[in-house]
C-alpha cells in the first residue's frame, strides 16, 4: 500500500491511543483531529492520528516548562 493513505475508524483510533470513542468524536468535532465523513461515520487518516500524538507530548520533567 505504498503511496496510499490508510484510514482508520473512530474505534480503531480510540483503541490505538487508549481513549473512548466519544473522546475521538470530540477531537474530530473540535477540529483537533482531521477526519473524513463517509456516510454517517468518520474515517481518520492514519497520519492525522500520528500528528495529533506528536503535537500532544508534554514534558513533565522539564523545570523550564514552569518558568
Protein backbone atom coordinates (compact mmCIF):
# COMPACT_ATOMS: atom_id res chain seq x y z
CA UNK A 1 0.00 0.00 0.00
CA UNK A 2 2.71 2.47 -0.89
CA UNK A 3 1.62 6.00 -1.60
CA UNK A 4 -1.87 5.49 -0.27
CA UNK A 5 -3.35 6.94 2.87
CA UNK A 6 -4.67 4.42 5.37
CA UNK A 7 -7.94 5.42 7.01
CA UNK A 8 -8.94 4.27 10.48
CA UNK A 9 -12.35 4.03 12.10
CA UNK A 10 -13.11 6.01 15.24
CA UNK A 11 -12.99 2.76 17.22
CA UNK A 12 -9.54 1.89 15.82
CA UNK A 13 -8.18 5.33 16.72
CA UNK A 14 -9.70 5.11 20.21
CA UNK A 15 -8.19 1.67 20.76
CA UNK A 16 -4.77 2.75 19.49
CA UNK A 17 -4.49 5.84 21.71
CA UNK A 18 -6.40 4.27 24.64
CA UNK A 19 -9.30 6.71 24.88
CA UNK A 20 -13.05 6.36 24.44
CA UNK A 21 -14.86 6.67 21.13
CA UNK A 22 -16.52 9.82 22.47
CA UNK A 23 -13.12 11.42 23.06
CA UNK A 24 -12.19 10.76 19.43
CA UNK A 25 -15.52 12.23 18.26
CA UNK A 26 -14.85 15.30 20.41
CA UNK A 27 -11.39 15.71 18.87
CA UNK A 28 -12.90 15.43 15.39
CA UNK A 29 -15.71 17.92 16.09
CA UNK A 30 -13.34 20.43 17.70
CA UNK A 31 -11.04 20.30 14.67
CA UNK A 32 -8.10 18.89 16.64
CA UNK A 33 -8.22 15.62 14.69
CA UNK A 34 -8.61 15.56 10.91
CA UNK A 35 -11.33 13.23 9.64
CA UNK A 36 -13.34 12.45 6.54
CA UNK A 37 -17.07 11.88 6.75
CA UNK A 38 -18.20 8.73 4.93
CA UNK A 39 -21.96 8.45 5.08
CA UNK A 40 -22.84 8.75 8.74
CA UNK A 41 -19.43 7.75 10.07
CA UNK A 42 -15.94 9.23 10.19
CA UNK A 43 -12.62 7.90 8.94
CA UNK A 44 -9.38 9.30 10.30
CA UNK A 45 -6.25 9.35 8.13
CA UNK A 46 -3.51 7.45 9.95
CA UNK A 47 -1.14 10.41 9.58
CA UNK A 48 -3.67 12.67 11.37
CA UNK A 49 -3.66 10.39 14.42
CA UNK A 50 0.15 10.36 14.43
CA UNK A 51 0.26 14.16 14.05
CA UNK A 52 -2.12 14.57 17.00
CA UNK A 53 0.08 12.38 19.17
CA UNK A 54 3.25 14.20 18.05
CA UNK A 55 1.88 17.61 18.98
CA UNK A 56 0.38 16.37 22.26
CA UNK A 57 3.63 15.45 24.00
CA UNK A 58 4.14 17.18 27.32
CA UNK A 59 7.48 17.08 29.12
CA UNK A 60 6.61 16.81 32.81
CA UNK A 61 10.20 16.62 33.98
CA UNK A 62 11.36 19.86 32.40
CA UNK A 63 11.64 22.67 35.01
CA UNK A 64 11.71 25.31 32.25
CA UNK A 65 8.12 24.38 31.40
CA UNK A 66 7.01 26.10 34.61
CA UNK A 67 9.17 29.21 34.30
